[in-house]
N, C-alpha and C. Protein backbone atom coordinates (compact mmCIF):
# COMPACT_ATOMS: atom_id res chain seq x y z
N UNK A 1 -44.49 -19.95 58.65
CA UNK A 1 -43.76 -21.22 59.47
C UNK A 1 -44.07 -20.88 60.90
N UNK A 2 -44.49 -21.93 61.53
CA UNK A 2 -44.88 -21.98 62.95
C UNK A 2 -43.56 -22.00 63.89
N UNK A 3 -43.51 -21.17 64.88
CA UNK A 3 -42.47 -21.11 65.98
C UNK A 3 -43.01 -21.23 67.20
N UNK A 4 -42.42 -21.98 68.09
CA UNK A 4 -42.98 -22.21 69.42
C UNK A 4 -42.01 -21.30 70.48
N UNK A 5 -42.66 -20.46 71.14
CA UNK A 5 -42.00 -19.76 72.11
C UNK A 5 -42.24 -20.13 73.51
N UNK A 6 -41.19 -20.84 74.24
CA UNK A 6 -41.60 -21.10 75.55
C UNK A 6 -40.79 -20.23 76.67
N UNK A 7 -41.61 -19.47 77.33
CA UNK A 7 -40.83 -18.38 78.21
C UNK A 7 -41.81 -18.18 79.23
N UNK A 8 -41.39 -18.24 80.50
CA UNK A 8 -42.21 -18.10 81.87
C UNK A 8 -42.29 -16.78 82.34
N UNK A 9 -41.61 -15.78 81.61
CA UNK A 9 -41.87 -14.41 82.08
C UNK A 9 -42.70 -13.62 81.05
N UNK A 10 -43.79 -13.12 81.60
CA UNK A 10 -44.97 -12.79 80.72
C UNK A 10 -44.64 -11.49 79.91
N UNK A 11 -43.61 -10.65 80.35
CA UNK A 11 -43.28 -9.57 79.56
C UNK A 11 -42.25 -9.95 78.38
N UNK A 12 -41.47 -10.99 78.69
CA UNK A 12 -40.68 -11.28 77.61
C UNK A 12 -41.40 -12.06 76.73
N UNK A 13 -42.29 -13.01 77.23
CA UNK A 13 -43.16 -13.63 76.20
C UNK A 13 -43.92 -12.71 75.35
N UNK A 14 -44.42 -11.75 75.71
CA UNK A 14 -45.18 -10.65 74.93
C UNK A 14 -44.35 -9.96 74.04
N UNK A 15 -43.20 -9.62 74.47
CA UNK A 15 -42.16 -9.12 73.45
C UNK A 15 -41.95 -10.06 72.37
N UNK A 16 -41.52 -11.25 72.63
CA UNK A 16 -41.08 -12.26 71.61
C UNK A 16 -42.24 -12.45 70.79
N UNK A 17 -43.71 -12.65 71.44
CA UNK A 17 -44.59 -12.96 70.36
C UNK A 17 -44.85 -11.85 69.45
N UNK A 18 -44.85 -10.57 70.08
CA UNK A 18 -45.13 -9.40 69.23
C UNK A 18 -44.21 -9.30 67.99
N UNK A 19 -42.70 -9.46 68.37
CA UNK A 19 -41.78 -9.46 67.36
C UNK A 19 -41.96 -10.58 66.30
N UNK A 20 -42.07 -11.66 66.62
CA UNK A 20 -42.31 -12.91 65.77
C UNK A 20 -43.49 -12.72 64.78
N UNK A 21 -44.55 -12.20 65.60
CA UNK A 21 -45.70 -12.05 64.51
C UNK A 21 -45.44 -11.01 63.63
N UNK A 22 -44.65 -9.93 63.99
CA UNK A 22 -44.67 -8.78 63.18
C UNK A 22 -43.64 -9.14 61.93
N UNK A 23 -42.88 -10.20 62.33
CA UNK A 23 -41.88 -10.74 61.08
C UNK A 23 -42.68 -11.82 60.43
N UNK A 24 -43.85 -12.03 60.70
CA UNK A 24 -44.56 -13.09 59.73
C UNK A 24 -44.69 -14.40 60.17
N UNK A 25 -44.33 -14.75 61.43
CA UNK A 25 -44.30 -16.12 62.04
C UNK A 25 -45.55 -16.46 62.61
N UNK A 26 -45.88 -17.49 62.61
CA UNK A 26 -47.29 -18.12 63.27
C UNK A 26 -46.58 -18.44 64.62
N UNK A 27 -47.08 -17.81 65.75
CA UNK A 27 -46.69 -18.09 66.94
C UNK A 27 -47.29 -18.90 68.02
N UNK A 28 -46.86 -20.13 68.40
CA UNK A 28 -47.52 -20.65 69.55
C UNK A 28 -46.75 -20.56 70.80
N UNK A 29 -47.32 -20.30 71.75
CA UNK A 29 -46.71 -20.01 73.13
C UNK A 29 -46.85 -20.72 74.29
N UNK A 30 -46.07 -21.11 75.14
CA UNK A 30 -46.06 -22.02 76.39
C UNK A 30 -45.32 -21.07 77.26
N UNK A 31 -45.97 -21.16 78.59
CA UNK A 31 -45.48 -20.28 79.63
C UNK A 31 -44.66 -21.31 80.55
N UNK A 32 -44.53 -22.71 80.40
CA UNK A 32 -43.50 -23.45 81.11
C UNK A 32 -43.16 -24.70 80.22
N UNK A 33 -42.09 -25.41 80.77
CA UNK A 33 -41.53 -26.34 79.87
C UNK A 33 -42.48 -27.53 79.65
N UNK A 34 -43.36 -27.83 80.76
CA UNK A 34 -44.40 -28.85 80.37
C UNK A 34 -45.19 -28.61 79.31
N UNK A 35 -45.84 -27.43 79.48
CA UNK A 35 -46.60 -26.93 78.23
C UNK A 35 -46.10 -26.98 77.01
N UNK A 36 -44.63 -26.68 76.88
CA UNK A 36 -44.01 -26.66 75.70
C UNK A 36 -43.77 -28.15 75.11
N UNK A 37 -43.60 -29.00 76.05
CA UNK A 37 -43.38 -30.33 75.57
C UNK A 37 -44.75 -30.91 75.16
N UNK A 38 -45.69 -30.58 75.91
CA UNK A 38 -47.00 -31.13 75.39
C UNK A 38 -47.39 -30.71 73.90
N UNK A 39 -47.15 -29.41 73.70
CA UNK A 39 -47.31 -28.86 72.12
C UNK A 39 -46.49 -29.47 71.38
N UNK A 40 -45.14 -30.03 71.63
CA UNK A 40 -44.16 -30.60 70.72
C UNK A 40 -44.52 -32.09 70.77
N UNK A 41 -45.50 -32.63 71.43
CA UNK A 41 -45.83 -33.78 71.13
C UNK A 41 -47.00 -34.13 70.27
N UNK A 42 -47.74 -32.99 69.89
CA UNK A 42 -48.82 -32.94 69.16
C UNK A 42 -48.72 -33.02 67.74
N UNK A 43 -49.58 -33.52 66.91
CA UNK A 43 -49.28 -33.60 65.39
C UNK A 43 -49.11 -32.17 64.92
N UNK A 44 -48.24 -31.83 63.79
CA UNK A 44 -48.23 -30.53 63.33
C UNK A 44 -47.59 -29.65 64.14
N UNK A 45 -46.98 -29.93 65.18
CA UNK A 45 -46.21 -29.08 66.05
C UNK A 45 -44.98 -28.19 65.26
N UNK A 46 -44.42 -27.17 65.91
CA UNK A 46 -43.48 -26.33 65.23
C UNK A 46 -42.16 -26.91 65.19
N UNK A 47 -41.21 -26.73 64.29
CA UNK A 47 -39.92 -27.32 64.39
C UNK A 47 -39.02 -26.23 64.43
N UNK A 48 -39.55 -24.94 64.56
CA UNK A 48 -38.59 -23.99 65.05
C UNK A 48 -38.71 -23.47 66.53
N UNK A 49 -37.95 -23.56 67.13
CA UNK A 49 -38.23 -23.47 68.88
C UNK A 49 -37.43 -22.25 69.32
N UNK A 50 -37.91 -21.44 70.21
CA UNK A 50 -37.31 -20.48 70.92
C UNK A 50 -37.61 -20.83 72.26
N UNK A 51 -36.73 -21.35 73.22
CA UNK A 51 -37.05 -21.98 74.33
C UNK A 51 -36.00 -21.09 75.38
N UNK A 52 -36.73 -20.81 76.48
CA UNK A 52 -36.09 -20.19 77.74
C UNK A 52 -35.39 -21.26 78.39
N UNK A 53 -34.16 -20.99 78.94
CA UNK A 53 -33.44 -22.00 79.71
C UNK A 53 -34.06 -22.40 80.88
N UNK A 54 -34.39 -21.52 81.88
CA UNK A 54 -35.01 -21.74 83.19
C UNK A 54 -36.39 -21.41 82.92
N UNK A 55 -37.18 -22.53 83.18
CA UNK A 55 -38.75 -22.57 83.23
C UNK A 55 -39.15 -23.39 84.14
N UNK A 56 -40.44 -23.26 84.77
CA UNK A 56 -40.91 -24.32 85.72
C UNK A 56 -41.14 -25.60 84.78
N UNK A 57 -41.03 -26.75 85.48
CA UNK A 57 -41.52 -27.87 84.67
C UNK A 57 -40.11 -28.43 83.99
N UNK A 58 -40.09 -28.32 82.71
CA UNK A 58 -38.97 -28.72 81.88
C UNK A 58 -38.15 -27.60 81.37
N UNK A 59 -36.90 -27.64 81.75
CA UNK A 59 -36.15 -26.54 81.19
C UNK A 59 -35.78 -26.60 79.77
N UNK A 60 -35.52 -25.58 79.06
CA UNK A 60 -35.41 -25.53 77.50
C UNK A 60 -34.32 -26.63 77.20
N UNK A 61 -33.05 -26.71 77.84
CA UNK A 61 -32.04 -27.75 77.10
C UNK A 61 -32.59 -29.20 77.37
N UNK A 62 -33.22 -29.61 78.33
CA UNK A 62 -33.92 -30.59 78.52
C UNK A 62 -34.93 -31.15 77.55
N UNK A 63 -35.86 -30.02 77.03
CA UNK A 63 -36.74 -30.32 75.99
C UNK A 63 -35.85 -30.71 74.67
N UNK A 64 -34.76 -29.82 74.37
CA UNK A 64 -34.19 -30.46 73.30
C UNK A 64 -33.69 -31.62 73.14
N UNK A 65 -33.09 -32.10 74.46
CA UNK A 65 -32.53 -33.31 74.65
C UNK A 65 -33.51 -34.52 74.40
N UNK A 66 -34.72 -34.16 74.97
CA UNK A 66 -35.88 -35.20 74.67
C UNK A 66 -36.18 -35.09 73.31
N UNK A 67 -36.25 -34.19 72.45
CA UNK A 67 -36.72 -34.17 71.13
C UNK A 67 -35.65 -34.94 70.35
N UNK A 68 -34.53 -34.94 70.58
CA UNK A 68 -33.46 -35.81 69.83
C UNK A 68 -33.49 -37.12 70.16
N UNK A 69 -33.84 -37.59 71.38
CA UNK A 69 -33.84 -38.95 71.97
C UNK A 69 -35.21 -39.47 71.26
N UNK A 70 -36.29 -38.79 71.24
CA UNK A 70 -37.54 -39.14 70.68
C UNK A 70 -37.40 -39.44 69.22
N UNK A 71 -36.90 -38.63 68.47
CA UNK A 71 -36.90 -38.89 66.99
C UNK A 71 -35.62 -38.12 66.48
N UNK A 72 -34.59 -38.77 66.59
CA UNK A 72 -33.27 -38.07 66.26
C UNK A 72 -33.27 -37.54 64.60
N UNK A 73 -33.99 -38.35 63.84
CA UNK A 73 -34.11 -37.95 62.31
C UNK A 73 -35.05 -36.59 62.03
N UNK A 74 -35.59 -36.42 63.08
CA UNK A 74 -36.69 -35.18 62.97
C UNK A 74 -35.87 -34.03 62.94
N UNK A 75 -35.97 -32.99 61.82
CA UNK A 75 -35.36 -31.87 62.18
C UNK A 75 -36.21 -30.78 62.95
N UNK A 76 -35.35 -30.41 63.90
CA UNK A 76 -35.58 -29.07 64.76
C UNK A 76 -34.72 -28.17 64.76
N UNK A 77 -35.07 -26.76 64.82
CA UNK A 77 -33.88 -25.81 65.01
C UNK A 77 -34.40 -25.07 66.43
N UNK A 78 -33.72 -25.22 67.35
CA UNK A 78 -33.91 -24.73 68.77
C UNK A 78 -32.88 -23.80 69.09
N UNK A 79 -33.40 -22.56 69.48
CA UNK A 79 -32.43 -21.40 70.04
C UNK A 79 -32.79 -21.43 71.50
N UNK A 80 -31.95 -21.35 72.50
CA UNK A 80 -32.16 -21.40 73.94
C UNK A 80 -31.94 -19.92 74.22
N UNK A 81 -32.81 -19.25 74.72
CA UNK A 81 -32.72 -17.89 75.08
C UNK A 81 -32.64 -17.75 76.77
N UNK A 82 -31.87 -16.95 77.36
CA UNK A 82 -31.50 -16.98 78.52
C UNK A 82 -30.84 -15.79 79.25
N UNK A 83 -30.74 -15.60 80.41
CA UNK A 83 -30.10 -14.32 81.16
C UNK A 83 -28.81 -14.86 81.39
N UNK A 84 -28.45 -16.36 81.30
CA UNK A 84 -27.17 -16.69 81.45
C UNK A 84 -26.28 -16.48 80.32
N UNK A 85 -25.20 -15.87 80.39
CA UNK A 85 -24.46 -15.28 79.47
C UNK A 85 -22.78 -15.82 79.28
N UNK A 86 -22.60 -16.78 80.37
CA UNK A 86 -21.26 -17.36 80.48
C UNK A 86 -20.89 -18.46 79.49
N UNK A 87 -19.86 -18.53 79.09
CA UNK A 87 -19.43 -19.57 77.86
C UNK A 87 -19.90 -20.96 78.33
N UNK A 88 -19.78 -21.36 79.59
CA UNK A 88 -20.27 -22.72 79.80
C UNK A 88 -21.69 -22.89 79.44
N UNK A 89 -22.58 -22.01 79.87
CA UNK A 89 -24.04 -21.95 79.57
C UNK A 89 -24.17 -22.25 78.15
N UNK A 90 -23.52 -21.48 77.30
CA UNK A 90 -23.78 -21.64 75.77
C UNK A 90 -23.26 -23.04 75.46
N UNK A 91 -22.24 -23.51 75.90
CA UNK A 91 -21.63 -24.82 75.57
C UNK A 91 -22.46 -25.99 76.07
N UNK A 92 -23.05 -25.70 77.19
CA UNK A 92 -23.92 -26.38 77.81
C UNK A 92 -25.30 -26.97 76.86
N UNK A 93 -25.80 -25.69 76.50
CA UNK A 93 -27.00 -25.47 75.77
C UNK A 93 -26.82 -26.39 74.43
N UNK A 94 -25.72 -25.87 73.70
CA UNK A 94 -25.30 -26.52 72.46
C UNK A 94 -25.08 -28.07 72.55
N UNK A 95 -24.26 -28.35 73.49
CA UNK A 95 -24.09 -29.88 73.99
C UNK A 95 -25.31 -30.66 73.96
N UNK A 96 -26.65 -30.03 74.55
CA UNK A 96 -27.67 -30.64 74.80
C UNK A 96 -28.50 -30.85 73.40
N UNK A 97 -28.08 -30.26 72.57
CA UNK A 97 -28.60 -30.22 71.18
C UNK A 97 -29.12 -29.03 70.37
N UNK A 98 -29.19 -28.00 71.28
CA UNK A 98 -29.62 -26.86 70.59
C UNK A 98 -28.92 -26.29 69.64
N UNK A 99 -29.57 -25.52 68.64
CA UNK A 99 -28.72 -25.10 67.37
C UNK A 99 -28.16 -23.70 67.66
N UNK A 100 -28.75 -22.95 68.59
CA UNK A 100 -28.21 -21.65 68.68
C UNK A 100 -28.49 -21.19 70.32
N UNK A 101 -28.06 -20.10 70.58
CA UNK A 101 -27.87 -19.70 71.98
C UNK A 101 -27.95 -17.98 72.06
N UNK A 102 -28.86 -17.40 72.73
CA UNK A 102 -28.99 -15.96 72.66
C UNK A 102 -29.41 -15.60 73.96
N UNK A 103 -28.54 -14.58 74.57
CA UNK A 103 -28.58 -13.96 75.79
C UNK A 103 -29.57 -13.03 75.84
N UNK A 104 -30.17 -12.71 77.23
CA UNK A 104 -31.09 -11.62 77.52
C UNK A 104 -30.05 -10.65 78.22
N UNK A 105 -30.50 -9.38 78.00
CA UNK A 105 -31.55 -8.87 76.98
C UNK A 105 -31.05 -9.10 75.49
N UNK A 106 -31.73 -9.36 74.62
CA UNK A 106 -31.44 -9.38 73.35
C UNK A 106 -31.62 -8.25 72.47
N UNK A 107 -30.90 -8.13 71.32
CA UNK A 107 -31.02 -7.19 70.38
C UNK A 107 -31.90 -7.65 69.33
N UNK A 108 -33.06 -6.84 69.09
CA UNK A 108 -34.10 -7.33 68.09
C UNK A 108 -33.57 -7.87 66.72
N UNK A 109 -32.62 -6.94 66.31
CA UNK A 109 -32.16 -7.39 64.92
C UNK A 109 -31.11 -8.54 64.90
N UNK A 110 -30.61 -8.81 66.03
CA UNK A 110 -29.91 -10.02 66.21
C UNK A 110 -30.77 -11.23 66.39
N UNK A 111 -31.79 -11.07 67.09
CA UNK A 111 -32.85 -12.21 67.37
C UNK A 111 -33.40 -12.52 65.97
N UNK A 112 -33.81 -11.59 65.03
CA UNK A 112 -34.45 -11.75 63.86
C UNK A 112 -33.45 -12.48 62.99
N UNK A 113 -32.33 -12.09 62.98
CA UNK A 113 -31.16 -12.83 62.04
C UNK A 113 -31.35 -14.36 62.46
N UNK A 114 -31.05 -14.56 63.94
CA UNK A 114 -30.99 -15.89 64.24
C UNK A 114 -32.17 -16.68 63.97
N UNK A 115 -33.30 -16.23 64.09
CA UNK A 115 -34.47 -16.93 63.78
C UNK A 115 -34.67 -17.06 62.15
N UNK A 116 -34.10 -16.16 61.56
CA UNK A 116 -34.12 -16.33 59.94
C UNK A 116 -33.34 -17.52 59.59
N UNK A 117 -32.15 -17.48 60.33
CA UNK A 117 -31.19 -18.67 60.13
C UNK A 117 -32.04 -19.98 60.30
N UNK A 118 -32.74 -20.11 61.52
CA UNK A 118 -33.48 -21.21 61.87
C UNK A 118 -34.55 -21.78 60.79
N UNK A 119 -35.14 -20.65 60.29
CA UNK A 119 -36.25 -20.83 59.12
C UNK A 119 -35.73 -21.24 57.85
N UNK A 120 -34.40 -20.58 57.54
CA UNK A 120 -33.64 -21.37 56.46
C UNK A 120 -33.34 -22.65 56.58
N UNK A 121 -32.78 -23.03 57.81
CA UNK A 121 -32.25 -24.30 57.90
C UNK A 121 -33.40 -25.25 57.98
N UNK A 122 -34.45 -25.04 58.62
CA UNK A 122 -35.72 -25.67 58.48
C UNK A 122 -36.31 -26.19 57.04
N UNK A 123 -36.08 -25.11 56.46
CA UNK A 123 -36.63 -25.16 54.90
C UNK A 123 -35.72 -26.10 54.08
N UNK A 124 -34.30 -26.05 54.21
CA UNK A 124 -33.46 -26.94 53.69
C UNK A 124 -33.59 -28.33 54.24
N UNK A 125 -33.60 -28.60 55.48
CA UNK A 125 -33.98 -29.98 55.94
C UNK A 125 -35.22 -30.58 55.57
N UNK A 126 -36.36 -29.73 55.48
CA UNK A 126 -37.41 -30.26 54.91
C UNK A 126 -37.34 -30.77 53.38
N UNK A 127 -36.74 -29.83 52.72
CA UNK A 127 -36.47 -30.23 51.14
C UNK A 127 -35.65 -31.33 51.17
N UNK A 128 -34.63 -31.31 51.99
CA UNK A 128 -33.66 -32.82 51.85
C UNK A 128 -34.45 -34.09 52.34
N UNK A 129 -35.28 -33.79 53.38
CA UNK A 129 -36.09 -35.05 53.69
C UNK A 129 -37.07 -35.40 52.60
N UNK A 130 -37.68 -34.57 51.93
CA UNK A 130 -38.47 -34.90 50.71
C UNK A 130 -37.74 -35.42 49.72
N UNK A 131 -36.49 -35.04 49.20
CA UNK A 131 -35.75 -35.59 48.31
C UNK A 131 -35.20 -37.03 48.71
N UNK A 132 -35.01 -37.23 49.77
CA UNK A 132 -34.44 -38.75 50.45
C UNK A 132 -35.97 -39.53 50.20
N UNK A 133 -36.93 -39.06 50.55
CA UNK A 133 -38.15 -39.88 50.45
C UNK A 133 -38.40 -40.20 48.92
N UNK A 134 -38.26 -39.28 48.29
CA UNK A 134 -38.51 -39.50 46.64
C UNK A 134 -37.41 -40.65 46.25
N UNK A 135 -36.15 -40.53 46.66
CA UNK A 135 -35.17 -41.27 46.14
C UNK A 135 -35.30 -42.89 46.71
N UNK A 136 -35.87 -42.81 47.87
CA UNK A 136 -36.14 -44.27 48.37
C UNK A 136 -37.36 -44.70 47.76
N UNK A 137 -38.29 -44.05 47.32
CA UNK A 137 -39.45 -44.56 46.54
C UNK A 137 -38.95 -45.16 45.24
N UNK A 138 -38.15 -44.01 44.53
CA UNK A 138 -37.59 -44.52 43.16
C UNK A 138 -36.66 -45.71 43.19
N UNK A 139 -35.86 -46.00 44.44
CA UNK A 139 -35.24 -47.14 44.47
C UNK A 139 -36.02 -48.29 44.69
N UNK A 140 -37.12 -48.03 45.61
CA UNK A 140 -38.19 -49.38 45.57
C UNK A 140 -38.60 -49.78 44.30
N UNK A 141 -38.99 -48.79 43.50
CA UNK A 141 -39.60 -49.02 42.19
C UNK A 141 -38.56 -49.95 41.23
N UNK A 142 -37.28 -49.45 41.33
CA UNK A 142 -36.17 -49.93 40.60
C UNK A 142 -36.01 -51.51 41.12
N UNK A 143 -36.03 -51.67 42.28
CA UNK A 143 -35.90 -53.11 42.95
C UNK A 143 -37.08 -53.88 42.50
N UNK A 144 -38.16 -53.21 42.43
CA UNK A 144 -39.61 -54.03 42.02
C UNK A 144 -39.32 -54.50 40.54
N UNK A 145 -38.86 -53.39 39.69
CA UNK A 145 -38.61 -53.76 38.26
C UNK A 145 -37.50 -55.00 38.09
N UNK A 146 -36.45 -54.74 38.81
CA UNK A 146 -35.51 -55.91 38.77
C UNK A 146 -36.09 -57.32 39.09
N UNK A 147 -36.89 -57.27 39.84
CA UNK A 147 -37.72 -58.62 40.26
C UNK A 147 -38.43 -59.07 39.03
N UNK A 148 -38.98 -58.18 38.24
CA UNK A 148 -39.92 -58.52 37.08
C UNK A 148 -39.27 -58.87 35.80
N UNK A 149 -38.17 -58.02 35.68
CA UNK A 149 -37.41 -58.11 34.33
C UNK A 149 -36.19 -59.15 34.62
N UNK A 150 -36.05 -60.12 33.91
CA UNK A 150 -34.89 -61.17 34.00
C UNK A 150 -33.61 -60.27 33.77
N UNK A 151 -32.47 -60.57 34.38
CA UNK A 151 -31.33 -59.96 34.19
C UNK A 151 -30.46 -60.77 33.27
């Protein structure tokens, strides 16, 4: 699965990319929010996101807000990562539409667990979307047959 890491601190970006790659993820990186948003506007973009809160251009919570406004039915799992550790920051990130929040410095095992939750959630959302699509197609066929066969 692809994951987008948007982080303006080069050392943090390197660490995150190295960890995620070693855990088997395909990692796309952005060094600012504007670049992250550009990636998210391309076809085939990641749906698992690790976004720094404070970045040049567009900040992490604003990216999440824009994603939900653009396509609310599209499943994304966004984790905001930041040096902010107060309760209000976590609440603000979650209220913006983020799915999780982790403070810096982070524990590698905690980060891995949180990313794994995002991966599982994305897999479930994708499977659910496929089932809904299949059910809608079946319903369309039933309606078509109802029009052909007299009741």
